[in-house]
């Protein structure tokens, strides 16, 4: 009997994991986007320059990775409200976008957990 209970528990756990996976794929919810608190403060007062980190599968092939980065960038830009965000730079080899955004654009980015991992303030680094 103990073996049957353990088997049932494993089956239930697998079913729950599968259902959760289906819900994530249907709703687009992949996780919580990491938003820099300073970005939130700045966009509430106007606009901010940000770096958007994109979710791109790591591939051993550089050409495939560059294509995946471009697709992720296109997905974000196509869903970003035009008058609320400006493209500053696209990166070809790293999964980033440099944008200038307002509060409306930040809200839109937060609704893209399928392609956006983080929104960080674009800080100028001092030379070392």
Protein backbone atom coordinates (compact mmCIF):
# COMPACT_ATOMS: atom_id res chain seq x y z
CA UNK A 1 0.00 0.00 0.00
CA UNK A 2 2.82 2.42 0.82
CA UNK A 3 4.28 1.87 -2.65
CA UNK A 4 0.93 2.65 -4.30
CA UNK A 5 0.57 5.87 -2.26
CA UNK A 6 4.06 6.99 -3.25
CA UNK A 7 3.31 6.23 -6.90
CA UNK A 8 0.07 8.22 -6.71
CA UNK A 9 1.89 11.14 -5.08
CA UNK A 10 4.48 11.18 -7.87
CA UNK A 11 1.76 11.04 -10.53
CA UNK A 12 -0.15 13.90 -8.89
CA UNK A 13 3.03 15.98 -8.65
CA UNK A 14 3.79 15.38 -12.34
CA UNK A 15 0.23 16.31 -13.32
CA UNK A 16 0.39 19.53 -11.29
CA UNK A 17 3.73 20.44 -12.89
CA UNK A 18 2.34 19.73 -16.36
CA UNK A 19 -0.78 21.81 -15.74
CA UNK A 20 1.34 24.69 -14.42
CA UNK A 21 3.49 24.46 -17.54
CA UNK A 22 0.40 24.61 -19.76
CA UNK A 23 -0.97 27.62 -17.87
CA UNK A 24 2.36 29.43 -18.30
CA UNK A 25 2.49 28.74 -22.03
CA UNK A 26 -1.15 29.74 -22.62
CA UNK A 27 -1.12 32.91 -20.50
CA UNK A 28 2.42 33.97 -21.35
CA UNK A 29 3.38 34.08 -17.70
CA UNK A 30 6.95 32.88 -17.38
CA UNK A 31 7.96 34.64 -14.21
CA UNK A 32 8.42 37.99 -12.54
CA UNK A 33 10.42 40.62 -14.37
CA UNK A 34 13.21 42.21 -12.33
CA UNK A 35 12.62 45.98 -12.44
CA UNK A 36 15.21 48.34 -10.96
CA UNK A 37 13.43 50.46 -8.28
CA UNK A 38 15.18 53.58 -9.63
CA UNK A 39 13.54 52.99 -13.02
CA UNK A 40 10.11 53.02 -11.39
CA UNK A 41 10.90 56.28 -9.58
CA UNK A 42 12.21 57.99 -12.70
CA UNK A 43 9.37 56.94 -15.01
CA UNK A 44 6.81 58.13 -12.47
CA UNK A 45 8.41 61.58 -12.83
CA UNK A 46 8.96 61.43 -16.61
CA UNK A 47 11.23 59.23 -18.72
CA UNK A 48 14.26 57.02 -18.05
CA UNK A 49 17.00 55.41 -20.15
CA UNK A 50 16.94 51.68 -19.50
CA UNK A 51 18.56 48.43 -20.55
CA UNK A 52 16.04 45.68 -21.16
CA UNK A 53 17.43 42.17 -20.69
CA UNK A 54 15.74 39.70 -23.02
CA UNK A 55 15.03 36.01 -22.53
CA UNK A 56 16.93 34.18 -25.26
CA UNK A 57 17.83 30.51 -25.21
CA UNK A 58 21.56 29.92 -25.11
CA UNK A 59 22.72 28.28 -28.30
CA UNK A 60 26.18 27.05 -29.19
CA UNK A 61 25.72 28.54 -32.65
CA UNK A 62 26.40 32.31 -32.76
CA UNK A 63 24.29 32.82 -35.89
CA UNK A 64 21.27 31.10 -34.31
CA UNK A 65 21.73 33.13 -31.13
CA UNK A 66 21.91 36.41 -33.10
CA UNK A 67 18.71 35.46 -34.91
CA UNK A 68 16.99 34.62 -31.61
CA UNK A 69 18.13 37.95 -30.12
CA UNK A 70 16.73 39.81 -33.13
CA UNK A 71 13.39 38.00 -32.82
CA UNK A 72 13.15 38.82 -29.11
CA UNK A 73 13.99 42.47 -29.81
CA UNK A 74 11.35 42.61 -32.55
CA UNK A 75 8.77 41.06 -30.21
CA UNK A 76 9.40 43.68 -27.53
CA UNK A 77 9.43 46.61 -29.95
CA UNK A 78 6.23 45.48 -31.66
CA UNK A 79 4.40 45.36 -28.30
CA UNK A 80 5.81 48.62 -26.90
CA UNK A 81 3.45 51.61 -27.19
CA UNK A 82 5.13 53.82 -29.84
CA UNK A 83 4.75 57.22 -28.19
CA UNK A 84 5.83 55.91 -24.78
CA UNK A 85 9.16 54.30 -25.64
CA UNK A 86 12.05 55.15 -27.92
CA UNK A 87 14.65 52.73 -29.23
CA UNK A 88 18.16 53.94 -28.48
CA UNK A 89 20.16 50.85 -29.47
CA UNK A 90 19.77 47.24 -30.56
CA UNK A 91 22.58 44.87 -29.69
CA UNK A 92 23.41 42.09 -32.14
CA UNK A 93 25.33 39.68 -29.92
CA UNK A 94 23.87 40.27 -26.44
CA UNK A 95 20.19 39.96 -25.51
CA UNK A 96 19.64 43.62 -24.65
CA UNK A 97 17.74 46.65 -25.86
CA UNK A 98 18.54 50.22 -24.88
CA UNK A 99 15.32 52.22 -24.59
CA UNK A 100 14.01 55.50 -23.25
CA UNK A 101 10.65 54.81 -21.59
CA UNK A 102 7.89 56.35 -19.54
CA UNK A 103 5.54 54.72 -17.00
CA UNK A 104 3.21 53.38 -19.71
CA UNK A 105 6.08 51.67 -21.52
CA UNK A 106 7.36 50.19 -18.25
CA UNK A 107 3.93 48.71 -17.62
CA UNK A 108 3.95 47.23 -21.13
CA UNK A 109 7.43 45.73 -20.54
CA UNK A 110 6.22 44.21 -17.28
CA UNK A 111 3.49 42.46 -19.26
CA UNK A 112 6.09 40.69 -21.44
CA UNK A 113 7.52 37.99 -19.15
CA UNK A 114 7.76 35.70 -22.15
CA UNK A 115 10.59 37.84 -23.61
CA UNK A 116 11.72 40.30 -20.91
CA UNK A 117 13.83 39.20 -17.93
CA UNK A 118 14.80 42.58 -16.44
CA UNK A 119 14.56 46.34 -16.81
CA UNK A 120 17.57 48.16 -15.36
CA UNK A 121 18.59 51.80 -15.30
CA UNK A 122 21.15 52.55 -18.03
CA UNK A 123 23.97 54.02 -15.99
CA UNK A 124 27.08 55.62 -17.40
CA UNK A 125 30.09 53.76 -16.08
CA UNK A 126 33.14 55.74 -15.07
CA UNK A 127 36.38 54.74 -16.82
CA UNK A 128 38.60 52.52 -14.71
